[in-house]
Protein backbone atom coordinates (compact mmCIF):
# COMPACT_ATOMS: atom_id res chain seq x y z
CA MET A 1 39.28 50.50 -8.92
CA LYS A 2 41.28 47.22 -8.54
CA THR A 3 39.61 46.44 -5.17
CA LYS A 4 35.90 47.46 -6.44
CA PHE A 5 36.20 45.31 -9.04
CA LEU A 6 37.69 42.20 -7.01
CA ALA A 7 35.04 43.24 -4.56
CA LEU A 8 31.57 43.41 -7.01
CA ALA A 9 33.10 39.40 -8.57
CA VAL A 10 33.36 38.30 -5.16
CA LEU A 11 29.30 39.69 -4.54
CA VAL A 12 28.46 37.89 -7.80
CA VAL A 13 30.62 34.59 -7.18
CA ALA A 14 28.83 34.46 -3.85
CA ALA A 15 25.25 35.22 -5.29
CA ILE A 16 25.45 32.60 -7.89
CA GLY A 17 26.59 30.38 -5.41
CA ALA A 18 23.91 30.73 -3.35
CA PHE A 19 21.39 30.55 -5.92
CA ALA A 20 22.94 27.18 -7.05
CA PHE A 21 22.96 25.94 -3.63
CA LYS A 22 19.36 26.85 -3.51
CA ALA A 23 18.26 25.13 -6.39
CA GLU A 24 19.97 21.65 -5.45
CA SER A 25 18.77 21.69 -2.31
CA THR A 26 14.82 22.01 -3.78
CA LYS A 27 15.33 19.13 -6.07
CA ARG A 28 12.89 16.15 -5.65
CA VAL A 29 14.38 12.81 -4.45
CA GLY A 30 11.69 10.87 -4.06
CA GLN A 31 9.96 7.92 -6.39
CA LEU A 32 7.06 7.60 -8.14
CA TRP A 33 4.13 5.77 -6.99
CA GLN A 34 1.02 5.10 -9.20
CA LEU A 35 -2.28 4.10 -8.09
CA THR A 36 -3.56 1.11 -9.26
CA ASP A 37 -6.95 1.40 -8.00
CA LEU A 38 -8.62 4.81 -8.32
CA SER A 39 -11.49 4.07 -5.73
CA GLN A 40 -8.71 3.39 -3.20
CA PRO A 41 -5.90 5.92 -2.35
CA PHE A 42 -5.66 5.02 1.18
CA ASN A 43 -4.81 1.28 0.85
CA PRO A 44 -1.08 0.91 0.64
CA ALA A 45 -1.09 -2.20 -1.12
CA LYS A 46 -3.08 -0.42 -4.08
CA TYR A 47 0.20 1.55 -5.14
CA VAL A 48 2.97 0.49 -7.29
CA LYS A 49 6.45 1.77 -8.35
CA PHE A 50 6.63 3.90 -11.41
CA THR A 51 9.24 4.80 -13.95
CA SER A 52 8.25 6.44 -17.23
CA PRO A 53 6.40 7.34 -19.43
CA LEU A 54 3.87 8.91 -16.98
CA PRO A 55 0.38 7.75 -17.27
CA SER A 56 -2.61 9.65 -18.50
CA CYS A 57 -4.63 10.51 -15.25
CA PRO A 58 -8.19 10.38 -15.76
CA SER A 59 -9.79 13.39 -13.75
CA GLU A 60 -8.64 15.93 -11.59
CA THR A 61 -10.54 14.49 -8.06
CA LYS A 62 -8.32 10.96 -8.03
CA VAL A 63 -5.40 10.36 -7.18
CA CYS A 64 -3.04 9.46 -10.15
CA TYR A 65 0.56 8.91 -8.92
CA ILE A 66 2.36 10.44 -6.36
CA ASP A 67 5.84 11.88 -6.05
CA ILE A 68 7.23 10.84 -2.15
CA GLN A 69 10.32 10.82 -0.43
CA ALA A 70 11.35 7.85 1.37
CA SER A 71 10.61 8.73 4.71
CA ASP A 72 7.01 8.21 3.39
CA LEU A 73 6.96 4.33 2.69
CA ILE A 74 6.04 2.32 5.55
CA PRO A 75 8.83 0.69 7.68
CA VAL A 76 10.15 -2.93 7.95
CA GLY A 77 8.17 -4.78 10.03
CA GLN A 78 4.79 -3.26 9.35
CA PRO A 79 1.77 -4.44 6.96
CA ASN A 80 3.10 -3.52 3.49
CA ALA A 81 6.74 -2.55 4.67
CA GLY A 82 8.06 -0.45 1.39
CA GLN A 83 4.47 0.80 0.47
CA PRO A 84 3.62 4.27 0.63
CA ASN A 85 2.45 5.15 4.17
CA VAL A 86 -1.25 6.45 3.21
CA VAL A 87 -3.10 5.13 6.45
CA ASP A 88 -4.27 8.27 8.23
CA ASP A 89 -2.61 9.17 11.09
CA PRO A 90 -4.69 11.34 13.43
CA PHE A 91 -1.28 12.64 15.66
CA SER A 92 -0.19 13.85 12.70
CA THR A 93 -0.55 17.14 10.89
CA THR A 94 1.86 16.35 7.56
CA ASP A 95 0.99 12.87 7.13
CA LEU A 96 0.47 11.85 2.85
CA HIS A 97 -3.27 10.75 3.74
CA ASP A 98 -3.78 14.11 4.58
CA ASP A 99 -2.22 15.65 1.73
CA ILE A 100 -4.65 13.00 -0.20
CA VAL A 101 -7.39 14.50 1.17
CA THR A 102 -6.34 17.91 0.31
CA ALA A 103 -6.09 17.23 -3.33
CA THR A 104 -8.67 15.45 -4.21
CA SER A 105 -11.26 17.56 -1.74
CA ASN A 106 -10.08 20.88 -3.02
CA SER A 107 -9.67 22.73 -6.60
CA LEU A 108 -5.98 23.26 -6.34
CA ASN A 109 -3.33 23.51 -9.29
CA ASP A 110 -2.26 20.12 -10.35
CA PRO A 111 0.56 18.99 -9.64
CA PHE A 112 -0.33 19.98 -6.35
CA SER A 113 2.42 20.06 -3.63
CA GLY A 114 1.73 19.07 -0.23
CA SER A 115 3.93 19.01 2.77
CA ASN A 116 7.08 17.38 2.97
CA MET A 117 7.68 18.14 -0.66
CA ARG A 118 5.46 15.85 -1.15
CA ILE A 119 4.13 16.05 -5.32
CA ILE A 120 0.35 14.60 -5.80
CA TYR A 121 -0.82 14.13 -9.76
CA GLU A 122 -4.44 14.26 -10.67
CA ARG A 123 -4.73 14.37 -14.33
CA ASN A 124 -2.46 15.39 -17.10
């Protein structure tokens, strides 16, 4: 009986640990970037880092702000370094540009969860 209880306790602890690890690994570690000119969502210079409070977004067909990871920023040494890389990369199927096109051209949930764990907000 003692062995069965111990085995059950170990299984419960293992299950809780696995759930906690999964929850921790899916947390966002990105930065919010606000689009300052809604007519130019593919111009990196039109984005600014945003902290809080979240802005009111104009409509569901415009990008309001994007939660992206550091890997989506333009590398040092290139024009607009440190800005979100929203320029189209014809050789990539998971770039930020493609996620913006998908989010704004379809009736999708808002916020839209794109590839590479990006989140695009179109309205509040």
